[in-house]
Amino acid sequence: MKKMSLPSTGKYTLPFLLLAVVAISGCKDPDTDDPNIPEPADLSHLPFGGPNILIRNQGNPQPDHLSLWLCGLPSDGAGNADASDWTNPDGTWDYTRKPQVNGNVSWSSEFNVALDGNGNRVITGNALPDHPTGVFPITPGSAAYQYDGNPNIISEHEVYYVLPEIPQVAAEPSCVPFGPSGISLTGSAIYHGSSTLGNDAAAHEMLDRFGGHTDGTERYHYHFPAQDLQDHIHPYEAGHSVIMGYMLDGFGIYGPYGENGELLTSADLDECHGHTHPVYWDGEMIDLYHYHWTYDFPYNIGCFKGTPQ
C-alpha cells in the first residue's frame, strides 16, 4: 500500500488524525509476511557441488544445468579435501560450522570502471580489495590451518579488461578456465566454484569472512557470496539484488535475489547460472542476460554465456 502523509495544519482535528492512523495501520495484515524483509538463506544445509563439476577435456563436451563446466583441471592441484567436520548427516555441508581465516588486514585498492564512448567498458585496477581480508598465509595453529595450510600471500596484479558495453549472448557457451572468471566491484577477482583439486571450493577451502582467499598466483579472489561481501558492496533492501561485478564476457553478476525479491538458487537459473530480464544497467533498465551469485553450487558461473576476454 502507498504511504500517506498526514497533514500538519491546524484545521484537522485529533479524531481525524486518529482515524487516519488506524486506517493506515489496518492496511497491513499481521499474518502476511513483510515483502521488504528478504528471505533468509539456510547456510547450515548446503549441497556439495563436486558431483556437478564437468570437465571438457575429460569427456564432457557441453555444459549442463546446475553444473560448472570447466575447460580442464591443473595437474598440480592443492588445497583441502576433507570437509567431514562440517558435513551434516544428510550429506549437506554447514557454512556456519566451517572455520574461517581470521584477521583484519587492510589494503590499498585501486579500481576504476569507465565507458570509453566506443562501445567498451574499460576496467582497471591493482586486484587488491577495498575491504580488509583475513591473514594470509594462514596462521599456523589457527582453526583454519588445521585443514588448509595455504602458504600464499596476497599481491598486486594488473587489472585491465576491455569488455563490451552491451554484451551479447554467444552462439555457443564457453567452458570456464582457472584464474579470474570475473571482477568484483571491490576490485578483486571472482573465481568459479571449483578448487584445483576438482572439488567444491567454497565447501572445502578456507575462506575469510568475505568469502575470499589467495592462491598460488598470490591473487585474492572470491568463491562464496558471504554476507560481509554483499553488505560491503551494497546492503540488500528489497527487490532485485544490485550488481556486484562483471564476468569476463561483459555480463554483470548480481546478488542472490531475483526480480520480486525472491531468494534464487541454481535451479532458478540456466546452465551458465544466469537468465534474462530487465535489470538496472549503466543508469537505465534494459532487458539483458546476467549472472547471479547464489548460496548453492556453482555459486557464480556455470559457463560463459557470452564471449570471454
C-alpha atoms as a PDB file:
ATOM      1  CA  MET A   1       0.000   0.000   0.000  1.00  0.00           C
ATOM      2  CA  LYS A   2       1.163   3.519  -0.796  1.00  0.00           C
ATOM      3  CA  LYS A   3       2.345   5.549   2.170  1.00  0.00           C
ATOM      4  CA  MET A   4       0.195   8.521   3.187  1.00  0.00           C
ATOM      5  CA  SER A   5       1.419  11.777   4.704  1.00  0.00           C
ATOM      6  CA  LEU A   6      -0.797  13.164   7.455  1.00  0.00           C
ATOM      7  CA  PRO A   7      -1.445  16.914   7.169  1.00  0.00           C
ATOM      8  CA  SER A   8       0.142  19.021   9.884  1.00  0.00           C
ATOM      9  CA  THR A   9      -2.128  22.084   9.600  1.00  0.00           C
ATOM     10  CA  GLY A  10      -4.354  23.009  12.491  1.00  0.00           C
ATOM     11  CA  LYS A  11      -7.645  22.584  10.621  1.00  0.00           C
ATOM     12  CA  TYR A  12      -7.534  18.793  11.073  1.00  0.00           C
ATOM     13  CA  THR A  13      -8.918  17.648  14.418  1.00  0.00           C
ATOM     14  CA  LEU A  14      -7.472  14.943  16.642  1.00  0.00           C
ATOM     15  CA  PRO A  15     -10.291  12.449  15.875  1.00  0.00           C
ATOM     16  CA  PHE A  16      -9.463  12.750  12.149  1.00  0.00           C
ATOM     17  CA  LEU A  17      -5.798  12.095  12.793  1.00  0.00           C
ATOM     18  CA  LEU A  18      -6.551   9.066  14.960  1.00  0.00           C
ATOM     19  CA  LEU A  19      -8.899   7.714  12.291  1.00  0.00           C
ATOM     20  CA  ALA A  20      -6.207   8.142   9.629  1.00  0.00           C
ATOM     21  CA  VAL A  21      -3.598   6.365  11.738  1.00  0.00           C
ATOM     22  CA  VAL A  22      -5.974   3.465  12.412  1.00  0.00           C
ATOM     23  CA  ALA A  23      -6.788   3.221   8.704  1.00  0.00           C
ATOM     24  CA  ILE A  24      -3.129   3.128   7.719  1.00  0.00           C
ATOM     25  CA  SER A  25      -2.144   0.550  10.336  1.00  0.00           C
ATOM     26  CA  GLY A  26      -5.164  -1.535   9.390  1.00  0.00           C
ATOM     27  CA  CYS A  27      -3.838  -1.926   5.848  1.00  0.00           C
ATOM     28  CA  LYS A  28      -1.215  -4.393   6.999  1.00  0.00           C
ATOM     29  CA  ASP A  29      -2.291  -7.971   7.548  1.00  0.00           C
ATOM     30  CA  PRO A  30      -0.374  -9.230  10.587  1.00  0.00           C
ATOM     31  CA  ASP A  31      -0.474 -12.738   9.124  1.00  0.00           C
ATOM     32  CA  THR A  32       1.198 -11.650   5.872  1.00  0.00           C
ATOM     33  CA  ASP A  33       4.975 -11.674   5.509  1.00  0.00           C
ATOM     34  CA  ASP A  34       6.539  -8.261   5.074  1.00  0.00           C
ATOM     35  CA  PRO A  35       7.727  -8.145   1.409  1.00  0.00           C
ATOM     36  CA  ASN A  36      10.551  -5.812   2.441  1.00  0.00           C
ATOM     37  CA  ILE A  37      12.147  -8.489   4.609  1.00  0.00           C
ATOM     38  CA  PRO A  38      14.405 -10.707   2.472  1.00  0.00           C
ATOM     39  CA  GLU A  39      14.010 -14.459   2.685  1.00  0.00           C
ATOM     40  CA  PRO A  40      16.955 -15.799   4.693  1.00  0.00           C
ATOM     41  CA  ALA A  41      19.260 -18.422   3.245  1.00  0.00           C
ATOM     42  CA  ASP A  42      19.800 -21.658   5.149  1.00  0.00           C
ATOM     43  CA  LEU A  43      23.587 -21.700   5.282  1.00  0.00           C
ATOM     44  CA  SER A  44      23.617 -24.747   7.542  1.00  0.00           C
ATOM     45  CA  HIS A  45      22.435 -27.173   4.827  1.00  0.00           C
ATOM     46  CA  LEU A  46      24.157 -26.508   1.513  1.00  0.00           C
ATOM     47  CA  PRO A  47      24.608 -29.152  -1.204  1.00  0.00           C
ATOM     48  CA  PHE A  48      28.134 -30.200  -2.119  1.00  0.00           C
ATOM     49  CA  GLY A  49      28.927 -29.241  -5.695  1.00  0.00           C
ATOM     50  CA  GLY A  50      31.652 -31.762  -6.505  1.00  0.00           C
ATOM     51  CA  PRO A  51      29.416 -34.167  -8.445  1.00  0.00           C
ATOM     52  CA  ASN A  52      28.331 -31.238 -10.649  1.00  0.00           C
ATOM     53  CA  ILE A  53      31.810 -30.352 -11.901  1.00  0.00           C
ATOM     54  CA  LEU A  54      32.054 -31.249 -15.598  1.00  0.00           C
ATOM     55  CA  ILE A  55      35.443 -31.166 -17.313  1.00  0.00           C
ATOM     56  CA  ARG A  56      35.551 -30.667 -21.058  1.00  0.00           C
ATOM     57  CA  ASN A  57      38.888 -32.354 -21.692  1.00  0.00           C
ATOM     58  CA  GLN A  58      37.763 -35.366 -19.662  1.00  0.00           C
ATOM     59  CA  GLY A  59      34.795 -36.241 -21.851  1.00  0.00           C
ATOM     60  CA  ASN A  60      32.181 -33.582 -21.054  1.00  0.00           C
ATOM     61  CA  PRO A  61      31.718 -31.625 -24.302  1.00  0.00           C
ATOM     62  CA  GLN A  62      28.946 -29.296 -23.140  1.00  0.00           C
ATOM     63  CA  PRO A  63      27.539 -27.604 -20.024  1.00  0.00           C
ATOM     64  CA  ASP A  64      24.600 -28.893 -18.022  1.00  0.00           C
ATOM     65  CA  HIS A  65      22.068 -27.299 -15.697  1.00  0.00           C
ATOM     66  CA  LEU A  66      23.233 -26.937 -12.056  1.00  0.00           C
ATOM     67  CA  SER A  67      26.822 -27.676 -13.059  1.00  0.00           C
ATOM     68  CA  LEU A  68      30.149 -25.943 -13.568  1.00  0.00           C
ATOM     69  CA  TRP A  69      31.687 -26.659 -16.987  1.00  0.00           C
ATOM     70  CA  LEU A  70      35.454 -26.463 -16.625  1.00  0.00           C
ATOM     71  CA  CYS A  71      37.891 -26.468 -19.530  1.00  0.00           C
ATOM     72  CA  GLY A  72      40.261 -28.691 -17.531  1.00  0.00           C
ATOM     73  CA  LEU A  73      41.918 -29.353 -14.185  1.00  0.00           C
ATOM     74  CA  PRO A  74      45.537 -28.450 -13.364  1.00  0.00           C
ATOM     75  CA  SER A  75      47.892 -31.368 -12.789  1.00  0.00           C
ATOM     76  CA  ASP A  76      49.316 -29.846  -9.608  1.00  0.00           C
ATOM     77  CA  GLY A  77      46.126 -29.110  -7.691  1.00  0.00           C
ATOM     78  CA  ALA A  78      46.326 -28.351  -3.970  1.00  0.00           C
ATOM     79  CA  GLY A  79      44.053 -27.463  -1.085  1.00  0.00           C
ATOM     80  CA  ASN A  80      41.730 -29.100   1.425  1.00  0.00           C
ATOM     81  CA  ALA A  81      39.955 -32.340   0.538  1.00  0.00           C
ATOM     82  CA  ASP A  82      38.368 -33.074   3.934  1.00  0.00           C
ATOM     83  CA  ALA A  83      35.089 -31.351   4.807  1.00  0.00           C
ATOM     84  CA  SER A  84      33.841 -34.054   7.155  1.00  0.00           C
ATOM     85  CA  ASP A  85      33.881 -31.842  10.260  1.00  0.00           C
ATOM     86  CA  TRP A  86      31.181 -29.580   8.792  1.00  0.00           C
ATOM     87  CA  THR A  87      29.292 -32.225   6.814  1.00  0.00           C
ATOM     88  CA  ASN A  88      25.770 -32.971   8.020  1.00  0.00           C
ATOM     89  CA  PRO A  89      24.301 -36.488   8.371  1.00  0.00           C
ATOM     90  CA  ASP A  90      22.148 -35.833   5.292  1.00  0.00           C
ATOM     91  CA  GLY A  91      25.241 -35.212   3.135  1.00  0.00           C
ATOM     92  CA  THR A  92      24.968 -31.406   3.002  1.00  0.00           C
ATOM     93  CA  TRP A  93      27.534 -29.025   4.463  1.00  0.00           C
ATOM     94  CA  ASP A  94      27.238 -26.337   7.104  1.00  0.00           C
ATOM     95  CA  TYR A  95      28.810 -22.963   6.268  1.00  0.00           C
ATOM     96  CA  THR A  96      28.228 -21.776   9.840  1.00  0.00           C
ATOM     97  CA  ARG A  97      30.413 -24.598  11.262  1.00  0.00           C
ATOM     98  CA  LYS A  98      33.220 -24.313   8.742  1.00  0.00           C
ATOM     99  CA  PRO A  99      36.311 -22.465  10.080  1.00  0.00           C
ATOM    100  CA  GLN A 100      37.157 -19.056   8.629  1.00  0.00           C
ATOM    101  CA  VAL A 101      40.505 -17.403   8.083  1.00  0.00           C
ATOM    102  CA  ASN A 102      40.633 -14.738  10.776  1.00  0.00           C
ATOM    103  CA  GLY A 103      42.233 -11.327  10.544  1.00  0.00           C
ATOM    104  CA  ASN A 104      41.614  -7.751   9.528  1.00  0.00           C
ATOM    105  CA  VAL A 105      44.345  -6.812   7.058  1.00  0.00           C
ATOM    106  CA  SER A 106      43.807  -3.548   5.128  1.00  0.00           C
ATOM    107  CA  TRP A 107      44.880  -2.981   1.516  1.00  0.00           C
ATOM    108  CA  SER A 108      45.425  -0.010  -0.794  1.00  0.00           C
ATOM    109  CA  SER A 109      42.954  -0.835  -3.535  1.00  0.00           C
ATOM    110  CA  GLU A 110      42.821   0.779  -6.974  1.00  0.00           C
ATOM    111  CA  PHE A 111      39.796   0.152  -9.159  1.00  0.00           C
ATOM    112  CA  ASN A 112      38.010   2.004 -11.937  1.00  0.00           C
ATOM    113  CA  VAL A 113      35.207   1.195 -14.369  1.00  0.00           C
ATOM    114  CA  ALA A 114      34.583   3.549 -17.288  1.00  0.00           C
ATOM    115  CA  LEU A 115      32.814   3.580 -20.653  1.00  0.00           C
ATOM    116  CA  ASP A 116      35.166   4.739 -23.414  1.00  0.00           C
ATOM    117  CA  GLY A 117      32.487   6.116 -25.765  1.00  0.00           C
ATOM    118  CA  ASN A 118      33.305   3.449 -28.373  1.00  0.00           C
ATOM    119  CA  GLY A 119      31.074   0.697 -27.027  1.00  0.00           C
ATOM    120  CA  ASN A 120      33.564  -0.632 -24.485  1.00  0.00           C
ATOM    121  CA  ARG A 121      33.712  -0.914 -20.723  1.00  0.00           C
ATOM    122  CA  VAL A 122      37.281  -0.468 -19.527  1.00  0.00           C
ATOM    123  CA  ILE A 123      38.135  -1.877 -16.097  1.00  0.00           C
ATOM    124  CA  THR A 124      41.488  -1.149 -14.457  1.00  0.00           C
ATOM    125  CA  GLY A 125      42.980  -1.672 -11.029  1.00  0.00           C
ATOM    126  CA  ASN A 126      45.532  -3.500  -8.915  1.00  0.00           C
ATOM    127  CA  ALA A 127      43.382  -6.523  -7.875  1.00  0.00           C
ATOM    128  CA  LEU A 128      43.543  -5.643  -4.170  1.00  0.00           C
ATOM    129  CA  PRO A 129      40.197  -5.487  -2.321  1.00  0.00           C
ATOM    130  CA  ASP A 130      38.786  -2.290  -0.869  1.00  0.00           C
ATOM    131  CA  HIS A 131      37.913  -4.135   2.342  1.00  0.00           C
ATOM    132  CA  PRO A 132      40.038  -5.948   4.914  1.00  0.00           C
ATOM    133  CA  THR A 133      40.904  -9.615   4.496  1.00  0.00           C
ATOM    134  CA  GLY A 134      41.950 -12.468   6.705  1.00  0.00           C
ATOM    135  CA  VAL A 135      45.637 -13.109   7.355  1.00  0.00           C
ATOM    136  CA  PHE A 136      47.417 -14.937   4.522  1.00  0.00           C
ATOM    137  CA  PRO A 137      49.458 -17.123   4.649  1.00  0.00           C
ATOM    138  CA  ILE A 138      47.050 -18.798   7.050  1.00  0.00           C
ATOM    139  CA  THR A 139      48.385 -18.535  10.605  1.00  0.00           C
ATOM    140  CA  PRO A 140      49.841 -21.804  11.957  1.00  0.00           C
ATOM    141  CA  GLY A 141      47.875 -23.030  14.941  1.00  0.00           C
ATOM    142  CA  SER A 142      44.612 -21.359  13.844  1.00  0.00           C
ATOM    143  CA  ALA A 143      41.443 -23.389  13.331  1.00  0.00           C
ATOM    144  CA  ALA A 144      41.625 -22.860   9.564  1.00  0.00           C
ATOM    145  CA  TYR A 145      45.265 -24.016   9.445  1.00  0.00           C
ATOM    146  CA  GLN A 146      44.268 -27.462  10.734  1.00  0.00           C
ATOM    147  CA  TYR A 147      42.573 -28.081   7.390  1.00  0.00           C
ATOM    148  CA  ASP A 148      44.365 -25.826   4.925  1.00  0.00           C
ATOM    149  CA  GLY A 149      47.889 -24.505   5.412  1.00  0.00           C
ATOM    150  CA  ASN A 150      47.520 -22.089   2.466  1.00  0.00           C
ATOM    151  CA  PRO A 151      51.077 -20.653   2.271  1.00  0.00           C
ATOM    152  CA  ASN A 152      50.345 -17.896  -0.235  1.00  0.00           C
ATOM    153  CA  ILE A 153      50.462 -14.142   0.287  1.00  0.00           C
ATOM    154  CA  ILE A 154      48.244 -11.517  -1.368  1.00  0.00           C
ATOM    155  CA  SER A 155      49.950  -9.411  -4.032  1.00  0.00           C
ATOM    156  CA  GLU A 156      49.027  -6.718  -6.524  1.00  0.00           C
ATOM    157  CA  HIS A 157      48.157  -7.718 -10.085  1.00  0.00           C
ATOM    158  CA  GLU A 158      47.447  -5.502 -13.047  1.00  0.00           C
ATOM    159  CA  VAL A 159      43.751  -5.434 -13.907  1.00  0.00           C
ATOM    160  CA  TYR A 160      42.974  -4.379 -17.454  1.00  0.00           C
ATOM    161  CA  TYR A 161      39.798  -5.597 -19.105  1.00  0.00           C
ATOM    162  CA  VAL A 162      38.104  -4.171 -22.183  1.00  0.00           C
ATOM    163  CA  LEU A 163      34.594  -5.608 -22.178  1.00  0.00           C
ATOM    164  CA  PRO A 164      31.611  -4.812 -24.408  1.00  0.00           C
ATOM    165  CA  GLU A 165      29.385  -2.070 -23.032  1.00  0.00           C
ATOM    166  CA  ILE A 166      26.338  -4.116 -24.060  1.00  0.00           C
ATOM    167  CA  PRO A 167      27.475  -7.754 -24.153  1.00  0.00           C
ATOM    168  CA  GLN A 168      25.827 -10.261 -26.484  1.00  0.00           C
ATOM    169  CA  VAL A 169      24.928 -13.906 -25.951  1.00  0.00           C
ATOM    170  CA  ALA A 170      27.301 -16.082 -27.996  1.00  0.00           C
ATOM    171  CA  ALA A 171      26.126 -18.741 -30.442  1.00  0.00           C
ATOM    172  CA  GLU A 172      27.576 -21.389 -28.104  1.00  0.00           C
ATOM    173  CA  PRO A 173      28.585 -21.185 -24.422  1.00  0.00           C
ATOM    174  CA  SER A 174      32.251 -21.451 -23.431  1.00  0.00           C
ATOM    175  CA  CYS A 175      33.892 -23.566 -20.742  1.00  0.00           C
ATOM    176  CA  VAL A 176      35.462 -21.834 -17.760  1.00  0.00           C
ATOM    177  CA  PRO A 177      39.249 -21.935 -17.188  1.00  0.00           C
ATOM    178  CA  PHE A 178      41.062 -21.493 -13.877  1.00  0.00           C
ATOM    179  CA  GLY A 179      42.013 -17.981 -12.829  1.00  0.00           C
ATOM    180  CA  PRO A 180      39.656 -14.986 -12.793  1.00  0.00           C
ATOM    181  CA  SER A 181      36.169 -15.570 -14.171  1.00  0.00           C
ATOM    182  CA  GLY A 182      35.165 -12.020 -13.368  1.00  0.00           C
ATOM    183  CA  ILE A 183      35.964  -8.910 -11.378  1.00  0.00           C
ATOM    184  CA  SER A 184      34.093  -7.748  -8.288  1.00  0.00           C
ATOM    185  CA  LEU A 185      33.194  -4.116  -7.639  1.00  0.00           C
ATOM    186  CA  THR A 186      35.532  -4.413  -4.656  1.00  0.00           C
ATOM    187  CA  GLY A 187      38.442  -4.538  -7.121  1.00  0.00           C
ATOM    188  CA  SER A 188      39.309  -8.228  -6.621  1.00  0.00           C
ATOM    189  CA  ALA A 189      38.777 -11.285  -8.787  1.00  0.00           C
ATOM    190  CA  ILE A 190      35.787 -13.619  -8.850  1.00  0.00           C
ATOM    191  CA  TYR A 191      36.789 -17.279  -9.292  1.00  0.00           C
ATOM    192  CA  HIS A 192      34.447 -20.095 -10.303  1.00  0.00           C
ATOM    193  CA  GLY A 193      33.250 -22.671  -7.769  1.00  0.00           C
ATOM    194  CA  SER A 194      35.896 -25.384  -8.162  1.00  0.00           C
ATOM    195  CA  SER A 195      39.187 -25.825  -6.370  1.00  0.00           C
ATOM    196  CA  THR A 196      42.246 -27.040  -8.269  1.00  0.00           C
ATOM    197  CA  LEU A 197      41.523 -30.474  -6.769  1.00  0.00           C
ATOM    198  CA  GLY A 198      38.200 -30.516  -8.597  1.00  0.00           C
ATOM    199  CA  ASN A 199      36.016 -30.251  -5.503  1.00  0.00           C
ATOM    200  CA  ASP A 200      33.598 -27.579  -4.263  1.00  0.00           C
ATOM    201  CA  ALA A 201      35.955 -24.730  -3.312  1.00  0.00           C
ATOM    202  CA  ALA A 202      33.523 -22.927  -1.024  1.00  0.00           C
ATOM    203  CA  ALA A 203      32.765 -26.127   0.885  1.00  0.00           C
ATOM    204  CA  HIS A 204      36.384 -27.259   1.247  1.00  0.00           C
ATOM    205  CA  GLU A 205      38.857 -24.393   1.111  1.00  0.00           C
ATOM    206  CA  MET A 206      39.458 -21.992   3.975  1.00  0.00           C
ATOM    207  CA  LEU A 207      37.994 -18.556   3.224  1.00  0.00           C
ATOM    208  CA  ASP A 208      37.800 -15.316   5.182  1.00  0.00           C
ATOM    209  CA  ARG A 209      34.604 -13.565   6.250  1.00  0.00           C
ATOM    210  CA  PHE A 210      34.236 -12.004   2.797  1.00  0.00           C
ATOM    211  CA  GLY A 211      34.227 -15.412   1.100  1.00  0.00           C
ATOM    212  CA  GLY A 212      37.719 -14.971  -0.317  1.00  0.00           C
ATOM    213  CA  HIS A 213      41.304 -16.151  -0.064  1.00  0.00           C
ATOM    214  CA  THR A 214      44.502 -16.242  -2.106  1.00  0.00           C
ATOM    215  CA  ASP A 215      46.178 -18.934  -4.227  1.00  0.00           C
ATOM    216  CA  GLY A 216      49.487 -19.852  -5.848  1.00  0.00           C
ATOM    217  CA  THR A 217      49.252 -16.792  -8.096  1.00  0.00           C
ATOM    218  CA  GLU A 218      49.023 -14.615  -4.939  1.00  0.00           C
ATOM    219  CA  ARG A 219      45.714 -13.181  -6.217  1.00  0.00           C
ATOM    220  CA  TYR A 220      42.942 -12.525  -3.690  1.00  0.00           C
ATOM    221  CA  HIS A 221      39.622 -13.800  -5.025  1.00  0.00           C
ATOM    222  CA  TYR A 222      36.085 -14.846  -4.030  1.00  0.00           C
ATOM    223  CA  HIS A 223      34.360 -18.236  -4.138  1.00  0.00           C
ATOM    224  CA  PHE A 224      31.292 -17.591  -1.961  1.00  0.00           C
ATOM    225  CA  PRO A 225      28.783 -14.714  -1.639  1.00  0.00           C
ATOM    226  CA  ALA A 226      29.459 -14.100   2.037  1.00  0.00           C
ATOM    227  CA  GLN A 227      27.145 -11.645   3.763  1.00  0.00           C
ATOM    228  CA  ASP A 228      30.043  -9.325   4.573  1.00  0.00           C
ATOM    229  CA  LEU A 229      30.899  -9.146   0.864  1.00  0.00           C
ATOM    230  CA  GLN A 230      27.317  -8.369  -0.125  1.00  0.00           C
ATOM    231  CA  ASP A 231      26.870  -5.773   2.605  1.00  0.00           C
ATOM    232  CA  HIS A 232      30.167  -4.131   1.711  1.00  0.00           C
ATOM    233  CA  ILE A 233      29.134  -3.631  -1.914  1.00  0.00           C
ATOM    234  CA  HIS A 234      25.555  -2.628  -1.133  1.00  0.00           C
ATOM    235  CA  PRO A 235      23.356  -3.786   1.792  1.00  0.00           C
ATOM    236  CA  TYR A 236      20.293  -5.556   0.412  1.00  0.00           C
ATOM    237  CA  GLU A 237      16.981  -3.786   0.989  1.00  0.00           C
ATOM    238  CA  ALA A 238      14.291  -5.227  -1.290  1.00  0.00           C
ATOM    239  CA  GLY A 239      13.585  -6.365  -4.830  1.00  0.00           C
ATOM    240  CA  HIS A 240      16.288  -7.411  -7.262  1.00  0.00           C
ATOM    241  CA  SER A 241      19.847  -7.542  -5.958  1.00  0.00           C
ATOM    242  CA  VAL A 242      22.303  -4.881  -7.104  1.00  0.00           C
ATOM    243  CA  ILE A 243      25.190  -5.572  -9.444  1.00  0.00           C
ATOM    244  CA  MET A 244      28.245  -7.000  -7.676  1.00  0.00           C
ATOM    245  CA  GLY A 245      30.704  -7.144 -10.571  1.00  0.00           C
ATOM    246  CA  TYR A 246      31.324  -8.140 -14.177  1.00  0.00           C
ATOM    247  CA  MET A 247      32.160 -11.541 -15.578  1.00  0.00           C
ATOM    248  CA  LEU A 248      34.798 -11.686 -18.303  1.00  0.00           C
ATOM    249  CA  ASP A 249      32.278 -11.924 -21.151  1.00  0.00           C
ATOM    250  CA  GLY A 250      30.969  -8.493 -20.107  1.00  0.00           C
ATOM    251  CA  PHE A 251      27.720  -9.590 -18.483  1.00  0.00           C
ATOM    252  CA  GLY A 252      27.016  -8.362 -14.969  1.00  0.00           C
ATOM    253  CA  ILE A 253      26.743 -10.545 -11.903  1.00  0.00           C
ATOM    254  CA  TYR A 254      24.130  -9.599  -9.333  1.00  0.00           C
ATOM    255  CA  GLY A 255      23.419 -10.743  -5.785  1.00  0.00           C
ATOM    256  CA  PRO A 256      21.192 -13.691  -4.845  1.00  0.00           C
ATOM    257  CA  TYR A 257      17.745 -12.059  -5.051  1.00  0.00           C
ATOM    258  CA  GLY A 258      15.542 -12.054  -8.166  1.00  0.00           C
ATOM    259  CA  GLU A 259      13.000  -9.711  -9.744  1.00  0.00           C
ATOM    260  CA  ASN A 260      10.432  -9.966  -6.962  1.00  0.00           C
ATOM    261  CA  GLY A 261      12.912 -10.180  -4.118  1.00  0.00           C
ATOM    262  CA  GLU A 262      12.858 -13.991  -4.082  1.00  0.00           C
ATOM    263  CA  LEU A 263      15.963 -15.832  -2.964  1.00  0.00           C
ATOM    264  CA  LEU A 264      17.363 -17.571  -6.026  1.00  0.00           C
ATOM    265  CA  THR A 265      19.010 -20.970  -6.242  1.00  0.00           C
ATOM    266  CA  SER A 266      20.864 -22.535  -9.145  1.00  0.00           C
ATOM    267  CA  ALA A 267      17.646 -24.312 -10.132  1.00  0.00           C
ATOM    268  CA  ASP A 268      16.126 -20.913 -10.995  1.00  0.00           C
ATOM    269  CA  LEU A 269      18.921 -20.140 -13.474  1.00  0.00           C
ATOM    270  CA  ASP A 270      20.191 -21.632 -16.741  1.00  0.00           C
ATOM    271  CA  GLU A 271      23.227 -23.842 -17.361  1.00  0.00           C
ATOM    272  CA  CYS A 272      25.548 -20.813 -17.229  1.00  0.00           C
ATOM    273  CA  HIS A 273      23.984 -19.626 -13.937  1.00  0.00           C
ATOM    274  CA  GLY A 274      22.070 -16.663 -15.312  1.00  0.00           C
ATOM    275  CA  HIS A 275      18.893 -15.541 -17.038  1.00  0.00           C
ATOM    276  CA  THR A 276      17.419 -12.616 -18.981  1.00  0.00           C
ATOM    277  CA  HIS A 277      15.010  -9.919 -17.823  1.00  0.00           C
ATOM    278  CA  PRO A 278      15.153  -6.129 -17.356  1.00  0.00           C
ATOM    279  CA  VAL A 279      17.949  -5.090 -14.985  1.00  0.00           C
ATOM    280  CA  TYR A 280      19.496  -1.802 -13.956  1.00  0.00           C
ATOM    281  CA  TRP A 281      22.483  -1.313 -16.276  1.00  0.00           C
ATOM    282  CA  ASP A 282      24.548   1.857 -16.584  1.00  0.00           C
ATOM    283  CA  GLY A 283      21.775   4.019 -15.175  1.00  0.00           C
ATOM    284  CA  GLU A 284      18.772   2.572 -17.009  1.00  0.00           C
ATOM    285  CA  MET A 285      16.603  -0.523 -17.110  1.00  0.00           C
ATOM    286  CA  ILE A 286      17.306  -2.767 -20.097  1.00  0.00           C
ATOM    287  CA  ASP A 287      16.439  -6.350 -20.997  1.00  0.00           C
ATOM    288  CA  LEU A 288      19.771  -8.128 -20.621  1.00  0.00           C
ATOM    289  CA  TYR A 289      21.234 -11.500 -19.764  1.00  0.00           C
ATOM    290  CA  HIS A 290      23.036 -11.503 -16.404  1.00  0.00           C
ATOM    291  CA  TYR A 291      24.515 -13.866 -13.835  1.00  0.00           C
ATOM    292  CA  HIS A 292      23.630 -14.206 -10.156  1.00  0.00           C
ATOM    293  CA  TRP A 293      25.571 -15.197  -7.084  1.00  0.00           C
ATOM    294  CA  THR A 294      23.692 -17.957  -5.241  1.00  0.00           C
ATOM    295  CA  TYR A 295      24.383 -19.775  -1.998  1.00  0.00           C
ATOM    296  CA  ASP A 296      24.434 -23.156  -3.724  1.00  0.00           C
ATOM    297  CA  PHE A 297      26.933 -24.554  -6.222  1.00  0.00           C
ATOM    298  CA  PRO A 298      28.224 -23.389  -8.689  1.00  0.00           C
ATOM    299  CA  TYR A 299      27.747 -20.081  -6.807  1.00  0.00           C
ATOM    300  CA  ASN A 300      28.543 -17.631  -9.625  1.00  0.00           C
ATOM    301  CA  ILE A 301      29.095 -19.077 -13.114  1.00  0.00           C
ATOM    302  CA  GLY A 302      28.446 -22.405 -14.793  1.00  0.00           C
ATOM    303  CA  CYS A 303      29.783 -21.462 -18.229  1.00  0.00           C
ATOM    304  CA  PHE A 304      30.327 -18.256 -20.184  1.00  0.00           C
ATOM    305  CA  LYS A 305      27.125 -17.204 -21.921  1.00  0.00           C
ATOM    306  CA  GLY A 306      28.967 -14.574 -23.953  1.00  0.00           C
ATOM    307  CA  THR A 307      32.462 -14.446 -25.391  1.00  0.00           C
ATOM    308  CA  PRO A 308      35.050 -14.132 -22.580  1.00  0.00           C
ATOM    309  CA  GLN A 309      38.038 -11.826 -22.897  1.00  0.00           C
END
